[in-house]
PDB file of N, CA and C in Angstrom:
ATOM      1  N   UNK A   1       0.064  25.618 -25.685  1.00  0.00           N
ATOM      2  CA  UNK A   1      -1.195  25.139 -25.717  1.00  0.00           C
ATOM      3  C   UNK A   1      -0.438  23.144 -25.704  1.00  0.00           C
ATOM      4  N   UNK A   2       0.161  22.389 -26.703  1.00  0.00           N
ATOM      5  CA  UNK A   2       1.164  21.232 -27.305  1.00  0.00           C
ATOM      6  C   UNK A   2       1.050  20.922 -25.832  1.00  0.00           C
ATOM      7  N   UNK A   3       2.037  21.596 -25.028  1.00  0.00           N
ATOM      8  CA  UNK A   3       1.803  20.640 -23.925  1.00  0.00           C
ATOM      9  C   UNK A   3       1.102  21.095 -21.703  1.00  0.00           C
ATOM     10  N   UNK A   4       0.979  21.761 -22.187  1.00  0.00           N
ATOM     11  CA  UNK A   4      -0.213  21.955 -21.160  1.00  0.00           C
ATOM     12  C   UNK A   4      -1.411  21.010 -20.927  1.00  0.00           C
ATOM     13  N   UNK A   5      -2.333  21.016 -22.156  1.00  0.00           N
ATOM     14  CA  UNK A   5      -3.363  20.348 -22.001  1.00  0.00           C
ATOM     15  C   UNK A   5      -3.244  19.037 -22.487  1.00  0.00           C
ATOM     16  N   UNK A   6      -2.351  18.649 -22.398  1.00  0.00           N
ATOM     17  CA  UNK A   6      -2.411  16.785 -22.265  1.00  0.00           C
ATOM     18  C   UNK A   6      -1.776  16.505 -20.909  1.00  0.00           C
ATOM     19  N   UNK A   7      -0.955  17.702 -20.040  1.00  0.00           N
ATOM     20  CA  UNK A   7      -0.284  17.865 -18.984  1.00  0.00           C
ATOM     21  C   UNK A   7      -1.128  17.533 -18.046  1.00  0.00           C
ATOM     22  N   UNK A   8      -2.546  18.023 -18.398  1.00  0.00           N
ATOM     23  CA  UNK A   8      -3.562  18.876 -17.044  1.00  0.00           C
ATOM     24  C   UNK A   8      -4.985  17.232 -17.116  1.00  0.00           C
ATOM     25  N   UNK A   9      -4.546  17.225 -18.996  1.00  0.00           N
ATOM     26  CA  UNK A   9      -5.802  16.057 -18.616  1.00  0.00           C
ATOM     27  C   UNK A   9      -5.663  15.113 -18.269  1.00  0.00           C
ATOM     28  N   UNK A  10      -3.590  14.207 -18.267  1.00  0.00           N
ATOM     29  CA  UNK A  10      -2.812  13.440 -17.878  1.00  0.00           C
ATOM     30  C   UNK A  10      -3.053  13.737 -16.230  1.00  0.00           C
ATOM     31  N   UNK A  11      -3.008  14.874 -15.769  1.00  0.00           N
ATOM     32  CA  UNK A  11      -3.133  14.620 -14.376  1.00  0.00           C
ATOM     33  C   UNK A  11      -4.914  14.861 -13.684  1.00  0.00           C
ATOM     34  N   UNK A  12      -5.082  14.924 -14.350  1.00  0.00           N
ATOM     35  CA  UNK A  12      -6.682  14.833 -13.973  1.00  0.00           C
ATOM     36  C   UNK A  12      -7.862  13.242 -13.886  1.00  0.00           C
ATOM     37  N   UNK A  13      -6.752  12.617 -14.802  1.00  0.00           N
ATOM     38  CA  UNK A  13      -7.495  11.232 -15.138  1.00  0.00           C
ATOM     39  C   UNK A  13      -6.232  10.282 -14.161  1.00  0.00           C
ATOM     40  N   UNK A  14      -4.723  11.219 -13.818  1.00  0.00           N
ATOM     41  CA  UNK A  14      -4.265  10.390 -12.475  1.00  0.00           C
ATOM     42  C   UNK A  14      -5.052  10.886 -11.085  1.00  0.00           C
ATOM     43  N   UNK A  15      -5.422  11.772 -11.274  1.00  0.00           N
ATOM     44  CA  UNK A  15      -6.160  11.727  -9.932  1.00  0.00           C
ATOM     45  C   UNK A  15      -7.144  10.908  -9.697  1.00  0.00           C
ATOM     46  N   UNK A  16      -8.216  11.019 -11.014  1.00  0.00           N
ATOM     47  CA  UNK A  16      -9.653  10.061 -10.741  1.00  0.00           C
ATOM     48  C   UNK A  16      -9.023   8.023 -10.466  1.00  0.00           C
ATOM     49  N   UNK A  17      -8.207   8.100 -10.893  1.00  0.00           N
ATOM     50  CA  UNK A  17      -7.781   6.792 -10.919  1.00  0.00           C
ATOM     51  C   UNK A  17      -6.726   6.603 -10.021  1.00  0.00           C
ATOM     52  N   UNK A  18      -6.581   7.123  -9.556  1.00  0.00           N
ATOM     53  CA  UNK A  18      -5.481   6.837  -7.861  1.00  0.00           C
ATOM     54  C   UNK A  18      -6.867   6.870  -7.648  1.00  0.00           C
ATOM     55  N   UNK A  19      -7.741   7.792  -6.931  1.00  0.00           N
ATOM     56  CA  UNK A  19      -9.099   8.186  -5.794  1.00  0.00           C
ATOM     57  C   UNK A  19      -9.746   6.387  -6.408  1.00  0.00           C
ATOM     58  N   UNK A  20     -10.141   6.237  -7.496  1.00  0.00           N
ATOM     59  CA  UNK A  20     -10.654   4.906  -7.800  1.00  0.00           C
ATOM     60  C   UNK A  20      -9.399   3.959  -6.592  1.00  0.00           C
ATOM     61  N   UNK A  21      -8.401   3.673  -7.463  1.00  0.00           N
ATOM     62  CA  UNK A  21      -7.347   2.801  -6.658  1.00  0.00           C
ATOM     63  C   UNK A  21      -7.445   2.704  -5.394  1.00  0.00           C
ATOM     64  N   UNK A  22      -7.197   4.196  -4.246  1.00  0.00           N
ATOM     65  CA  UNK A  22      -7.061   4.081  -3.252  1.00  0.00           C
ATOM     66  C   UNK A  22      -8.688   3.956  -2.468  1.00  0.00           C
ATOM     67  N   UNK A  23      -9.671   3.898  -2.576  1.00  0.00           N
ATOM     68  CA  UNK A  23     -11.022   3.795  -1.790  1.00  0.00           C
ATOM     69  C   UNK A  23     -10.947   1.845  -2.430  1.00  0.00           C
ATOM     70  N   UNK A  24     -10.926   1.593  -3.238  1.00  0.00           N
ATOM     71  CA  UNK A  24     -10.983   0.337  -3.257  1.00  0.00           C
ATOM     72  C   UNK A  24     -10.231  -0.047  -2.259  1.00  0.00           C
ATOM     73  N   UNK A  25      -8.763  -0.009  -2.582  1.00  0.00           N
ATOM     74  CA  UNK A  25      -8.232  -0.308  -1.488  1.00  0.00           C
ATOM     75  C   UNK A  25      -9.033  -0.420  -0.108  1.00  0.00           C
ATOM     76  N   UNK A  26      -9.265   0.949   0.305  1.00  0.00           N
ATOM     77  CA  UNK A  26      -9.597   1.421   1.528  1.00  0.00           C
ATOM     78  C   UNK A  26     -10.996  -0.080   2.133  1.00  0.00           C
ATOM     79  N   UNK A  27     -11.715  -0.219   0.825  1.00  0.00           N
ATOM     80  CA  UNK A  27     -13.178  -1.123   0.835  1.00  0.00           C
ATOM     81  C   UNK A  27     -12.234  -2.335   0.983  1.00  0.00           C
ATOM     82  N   UNK A  28     -11.113  -2.766   1.149  1.00  0.00           N
ATOM     83  CA  UNK A  28     -10.541  -3.966   0.921  1.00  0.00           C
ATOM     84  C   UNK A  28      -9.482  -4.813   1.944  1.00  0.00           C
ATOM     85  N   UNK A  29      -9.315  -3.741   2.253  1.00  0.00           N
ATOM     86  CA  UNK A  29      -7.500  -3.515   3.537  1.00  0.00           C
ATOM     87  C   UNK A  29      -8.094  -4.026   4.722  1.00  0.00           C
ATOM     88  N   UNK A  30      -9.650  -3.744   4.964  1.00  0.00           N
ATOM     89  CA  UNK A  30      -9.902  -4.359   6.880  1.00  0.00           C
ATOM     90  C   UNK A  30     -10.388  -5.834   6.624  1.00  0.00           C
ATOM     91  N   UNK A  31     -10.515  -6.386   5.144  1.00  0.00           N
ATOM     92  CA  UNK A  31     -11.200  -7.721   4.967  1.00  0.00           C
ATOM     93  C   UNK A  31      -9.413  -8.160   4.761  1.00  0.00           C
ATOM     94  N   UNK A  32      -8.815  -7.686   3.874  1.00  0.00           N
ATOM     95  CA  UNK A  32      -7.830  -8.767   4.169  1.00  0.00           C
ATOM     96  C   UNK A  32      -7.045  -8.699   4.909  1.00  0.00           C
ATOM     97  N   UNK A  33      -6.739  -7.823   5.668  1.00  0.00           N
ATOM     98  CA  UNK A  33      -5.596  -7.613   7.063  1.00  0.00           C
ATOM     99  C   UNK A  33      -6.495  -7.302   8.403  1.00  0.00           C
ATOM    100  N   UNK A  34      -7.537  -8.263   9.157  1.00  0.00           N
ATOM    101  CA  UNK A  34      -8.476  -7.509   9.356  1.00  0.00           C
ATOM    102  C   UNK A  34      -8.534  -6.679  11.395  1.00  0.00           C
ATOM    103  N   UNK A  35      -6.760  -7.321  11.607  1.00  0.00           N
ATOM    104  CA  UNK A  35      -6.843  -6.294  12.691  1.00  0.00           C
ATOM    105  C   UNK A  35      -5.959  -5.659  12.732  1.00  0.00           C
ATOM    106  N   UNK A  36      -4.636  -5.616  11.825  1.00  0.00           N
ATOM    107  CA  UNK A  36      -3.213  -5.033  11.865  1.00  0.00           C
ATOM    108  C   UNK A  36      -3.735  -3.680  10.945  1.00  0.00           C
ATOM    109  N   UNK A  37      -3.563  -2.438  11.861  1.00  0.00           N
ATOM    110  CA  UNK A  37      -4.201  -1.486  10.394  1.00  0.00           C
ATOM    111  C   UNK A  37      -2.924  -0.988  10.512  1.00  0.00           C
ATOM    112  N   UNK A  38      -1.361  -1.164  10.439  1.00  0.00           N
ATOM    113  CA  UNK A  38      -0.762  -0.382   9.953  1.00  0.00           C
ATOM    114  C   UNK A  38      -0.493  -1.476   8.595  1.00  0.00           C
ATOM    115  N   UNK A  39      -0.436  -2.888   8.239  1.00  0.00           N
ATOM    116  CA  UNK A  39      -0.111  -2.997   7.102  1.00  0.00           C
ATOM    117  C   UNK A  39      -1.372  -2.851   6.243  1.00  0.00           C
ATOM    118  N   UNK A  40      -3.365  -2.270   6.216  1.00  0.00           N
ATOM    119  CA  UNK A  40      -4.172  -1.900   6.046  1.00  0.00           C
ATOM    120  C   UNK A  40      -3.230  -0.348   5.532  1.00  0.00           C
ATOM    121  N   UNK A  41      -2.620   0.346   5.943  1.00  0.00           N
ATOM    122  CA  UNK A  41      -2.523   1.547   6.208  1.00  0.00           C
ATOM    123  C   UNK A  41      -1.403   1.693   4.699  1.00  0.00           C
ATOM    124  N   UNK A  42      -0.456  -0.050   4.838  1.00  0.00           N
ATOM    125  CA  UNK A  42       0.262   0.212   3.831  1.00  0.00           C
ATOM    126  C   UNK A  42      -0.238  -0.168   2.437  1.00  0.00           C
ATOM    127  N   UNK A  43      -1.579  -0.554   2.726  1.00  0.00           N
ATOM    128  CA  UNK A  43      -1.898  -1.255   1.017  1.00  0.00           C
ATOM    129  C   UNK A  43      -2.363  -0.463   0.520  1.00  0.00           C
ATOM    130  N   UNK A  44      -2.865   0.737   1.201  1.00  0.00           N
ATOM    131  CA  UNK A  44      -3.783   1.955   0.626  1.00  0.00           C
ATOM    132  C   UNK A  44      -2.738   2.553  -0.102  1.00  0.00           C
ATOM    133  N   UNK A  45      -1.337   3.141   0.893  1.00  0.00           N
ATOM    134  CA  UNK A  45      -0.350   4.068   0.532  1.00  0.00           C
ATOM    135  C   UNK A  45      -0.016   2.918  -0.616  1.00  0.00           C
ATOM    136  N   UNK A  46       0.680   1.552  -1.121  1.00  0.00           N
ATOM    137  CA  UNK A  46       1.318   1.248  -1.935  1.00  0.00           C
ATOM    138  C   UNK A  46      -0.088   0.770  -3.326  1.00  0.00           C
ATOM    139  N   UNK A  47      -1.456   1.046  -3.174  1.00  0.00           N
ATOM    140  CA  UNK A  47      -2.426   1.698  -4.365  1.00  0.00           C
ATOM    141  C   UNK A  47      -1.943   2.962  -5.330  1.00  0.00           C
ATOM    142  N   UNK A  48      -2.197   3.413  -3.834  1.00  0.00           N
ATOM    143  CA  UNK A  48      -1.309   4.805  -4.847  1.00  0.00           C
ATOM    144  C   UNK A  48      -0.872   5.538  -5.102  1.00  0.00           C
ATOM    145  N   UNK A  49       0.978   4.600  -4.573  1.00  0.00           N
ATOM    146  CA  UNK A  49       2.060   4.376  -4.907  1.00  0.00           C
ATOM    147  C   UNK A  49       1.945   4.327  -6.995  1.00  0.00           C
ATOM    148  N   UNK A  50       1.060   2.734  -6.409  1.00  0.00           N
ATOM    149  CA  UNK A  50       1.249   1.879  -7.610  1.00  0.00           C
ATOM    150  C   UNK A  50       0.254   2.574  -9.067  1.00  0.00           C
ATOM    151  N   UNK A  51      -0.524   3.071  -8.624  1.00  0.00           N
ATOM    152  CA  UNK A  51      -1.672   3.251  -9.438  1.00  0.00           C
ATOM    153  C   UNK A  51      -0.580   4.775 -10.459  1.00  0.00           C
ATOM    154  N   UNK A  52       0.193   6.072 -10.077  1.00  0.00           N
ATOM    155  CA  UNK A  52       0.844   6.819  -9.577  1.00  0.00           C
ATOM    156  C   UNK A  52       2.411   6.278 -10.374  1.00  0.00           C
ATOM    157  N   UNK A  53       2.488   5.386 -10.111  1.00  0.00           N
ATOM    158  CA  UNK A  53       4.230   4.759 -10.792  1.00  0.00           C
ATOM    159  C   UNK A  53       3.421   4.178 -12.608  1.00  0.00           C
ATOM    160  N   UNK A  54       2.515   3.790 -12.307  1.00  0.00           N
ATOM    161  CA  UNK A  54       2.013   3.107 -14.020  1.00  0.00           C
ATOM    162  C   UNK A  54       1.385   4.319 -14.394  1.00  0.00           C
ATOM    163  N   UNK A  55       1.100   4.717 -14.009  1.00  0.00           N
ATOM    164  CA  UNK A  55       0.634   6.352 -14.854  1.00  0.00           C
ATOM    165  C   UNK A  55       1.653   7.190 -15.622  1.00  0.00           C
ATOM    166  N   UNK A  56       2.879   7.297 -14.366  1.00  0.00           N
ATOM    167  CA  UNK A  56       3.710   8.275 -14.802  1.00  0.00           C
ATOM    168  C   UNK A  56       4.867   7.618 -15.869  1.00  0.00           C
ATOM    169  N   UNK A  57       4.956   6.167 -15.827  1.00  0.00           N
ATOM    170  CA  UNK A  57       5.122   5.427 -17.357  1.00  0.00           C
ATOM    171  C   UNK A  57       4.474   5.746 -18.245  1.00  0.00           C
ATOM    172  N   UNK A  58       3.391   5.463 -17.992  1.00  0.00           N
ATOM    173  CA  UNK A  58       2.245   5.809 -19.684  1.00  0.00           C
ATOM    174  C   UNK A  58       2.440   6.833 -19.748  1.00  0.00           C
ATOM    175  N   UNK A  59       2.727   8.159 -19.328  1.00  0.00           N
ATOM    176  CA  UNK A  59       2.791   9.510 -19.592  1.00  0.00           C
ATOM    177  C   UNK A  59       3.973   9.607 -19.785  1.00  0.00           C
ATOM    178  N   UNK A  60       4.871   9.270 -19.457  1.00  0.00           N
ATOM    179  CA  UNK A  60       6.440   9.585 -20.194  1.00  0.00           C
ATOM    180  C   UNK A  60       6.753   9.228 -21.939  1.00  0.00           C
ATOM    181  N   UNK A  61       6.009   7.255 -21.863  1.00  0.00           N
ATOM    182  CA  UNK A  61       6.053   6.715 -23.467  1.00  0.00           C
ATOM    183  C   UNK A  61       5.079   7.405 -24.063  1.00  0.00           C
ATOM    184  N   UNK A  62       4.232   8.980 -23.619  1.00  0.00           N
ATOM    185  CA  UNK A  62       2.916   9.389 -24.456  1.00  0.00           C
ATOM    186  C   UNK A  62       3.294  10.199 -24.833  1.00  0.00           C
ATOM    187  N   UNK A  63       4.306  11.117 -23.685  1.00  0.00           N
ATOM    188  CA  UNK A  63       4.765  12.686 -24.618  1.00  0.00           C
ATOM    189  C   UNK A  63       6.141  11.674 -25.035  1.00  0.00           C
ATOM    190  N   UNK A  64       6.821  10.789 -24.822  1.00  0.00           N
ATOM    191  CA  UNK A  64       8.344  11.028 -25.098  1.00  0.00           C
ATOM    192  C   UNK A  64       8.230  10.464 -26.636  1.00  0.00           C
ATOM    193  N   UNK A  65       7.086   9.042 -26.819  1.00  0.00           N
ATOM    194  CA  UNK A  65       7.355   8.368 -28.890  1.00  0.00           C
ATOM    195  C   UNK A  65       6.256   9.232 -29.012  1.00  0.00           C
ATOM    196  N   UNK A  66       4.900  10.076 -28.416  1.00  0.00           N
ATOM    197  CA  UNK A  66       3.784  10.239 -30.077  1.00  0.00           C
ATOM    198  C   UNK A  66       4.018  11.885 -29.704  1.00  0.00           C
ATOM    199  N   UNK A  67       3.894  12.114 -28.118  1.00  0.00           N
ATOM    200  CA  UNK A  67       3.693  14.331 -28.892  1.00  0.00           C
ATOM    201  C   UNK A  67       5.284  14.872 -28.903  1.00  0.00           C
ATOM    202  N   UNK A  68       6.022  14.711 -28.867  1.00  0.00           N
ATOM    203  CA  UNK A  68       7.505  15.084 -28.438  1.00  0.00           C
ATOM    204  C   UNK A  68       8.624  14.302 -29.523  1.00  0.00           C
ATOM    205  N   UNK A  69       8.248  13.374 -30.104  1.00  0.00           N
ATOM    206  CA  UNK A  69       8.929  12.499 -31.104  1.00  0.00           C
ATOM    207  C   UNK A  69      10.012  13.484 -32.011  1.00  0.00           C
ATOM    208  N   UNK A  70      11.366  12.779 -32.335  1.00  0.00           N
ATOM    209  CA  UNK A  70      11.998  13.744 -32.786  1.00  0.00           C
ATOM    210  C   UNK A  70      11.059  13.197 -34.651  1.00  0.00           C
ATOM    211  N   UNK A  71      11.715  14.127 -34.922  1.00  0.00           N
ATOM    212  CA  UNK A  71      11.534  13.897 -36.674  1.00  0.00           C
ATOM    213  C   UNK A  71      12.276  13.721 -36.943  1.00  0.00           C
ATOM    214  N   UNK A  72      12.358  12.786 -38.146  1.00  0.00           N
ATOM    215  CA  UNK A  72      13.075  11.542 -39.459  1.00  0.00           C
ATOM    216  C   UNK A  72      14.656  12.585 -39.235  1.00  0.00           C
ATOM    217  N   UNK A  73      13.713  14.106 -39.666  1.00  0.00           N
ATOM    218  CA  UNK A  73      14.796  15.041 -40.281  1.00  0.00           C
ATOM    219  C   UNK A  73      15.983  15.287 -39.360  1.00  0.00           C
ATOM    220  N   UNK A  74      15.712  15.781 -37.775  1.00  0.00           N
ATOM    221  CA  UNK A  74      15.988  16.186 -36.804  1.00  0.00           C
ATOM    222  C   UNK A  74      17.548  14.938 -36.203  1.00  0.00           C
ATOM    223  N   UNK A  75      16.220  13.397 -36.375  1.00  0.00           N
ATOM    224  CA  UNK A  75      16.922  11.936 -35.966  1.00  0.00           C
ATOM    225  C   UNK A  75      18.579  11.854 -36.569  1.00  0.00           C
ATOM    226  N   UNK A  76      18.351  12.356 -38.405  1.00  0.00           N
ATOM    227  CA  UNK A  76      19.117  11.614 -39.211  1.00  0.00           C
ATOM    228  C   UNK A  76      20.461  13.112 -38.792  1.00  0.00           C
ATOM    229  N   UNK A  77      20.541  13.654 -38.345  1.00  0.00           N
ATOM    230  CA  UNK A  77      21.900  14.670 -37.876  1.00  0.00           C
ATOM    231  C   UNK A  77      22.779  14.155 -37.815  1.00  0.00           C
ATOM    232  N   UNK A  78      23.954  14.817 -37.464  1.00  0.00           N
ATOM    233  CA  UNK A  78      24.848  13.744 -36.873  1.00  0.00           C
ATOM    234  C   UNK A  78      24.886  15.005 -35.740  1.00  0.00           C
ATOM    235  N   UNK A  79      25.398  14.128 -34.648  1.00  0.00           N
ATOM    236  CA  UNK A  79      25.950  15.459 -33.148  1.00  0.00           C
ATOM    237  C   UNK A  79      27.289  15.673 -34.008  1.00  0.00           C
ATOM    238  N   UNK A  80      27.966  17.007 -33.166  1.00  0.00           N
ATOM    239  CA  UNK A  80      28.589  17.878 -33.416  1.00  0.00           C
ATOM    240  C   UNK A  80      30.033  17.165 -32.870  1.00  0.00           C
ATOM    241  N   UNK A  81      31.629  16.761 -33.604  1.00  0.00           N
ATOM    242  CA  UNK A  81      32.009  15.884 -33.857  1.00  0.00           C
ATOM    243  C   UNK A  81      31.780  15.064 -34.140  1.00  0.00           C
ATOM    244  N   UNK A  82      31.548  14.246 -34.652  1.00  0.00           N
ATOM    245  CA  UNK A  82      30.870  12.769 -35.484  1.00  0.00           C
ATOM    246  C   UNK A  82      31.759  13.070 -36.993  1.00  0.00           C
ATOM    247  N   UNK A  83      32.236  12.020 -37.004  1.00  0.00           N
ATOM    248  CA  UNK A  83      33.286  11.883 -38.773  1.00  0.00           C
ATOM    249  C   UNK A  83      31.825  10.473 -39.159  1.00  0.00           C
ATOM    250  N   UNK A  84      32.056  10.742 -40.207  1.00  0.00           N
ATOM    251  CA  UNK A  84      31.791   9.732 -41.631  1.00  0.00           C
ATOM    252  C   UNK A  84      32.337   9.088 -41.751  1.00  0.00           C
TER     253      UNK A  84
END
């Protein structure tokens, strides 16, 4: 549960935020690039990619720094082969 629930919560939040970003980009793209359909499509794809990229970095930081951070006792253990 410690892994599954945060994963699905973040996946749902990512879907919602990406949908909002893509809808906004789709609304603004014809205004910014009036007749250039390929640039409009590129803007929409960039909005989707940028949203998921930022959320992926946030998920990485959340999981590695908060949820699954090494405990102090584990971090202090010496690696095999290390000498003092």
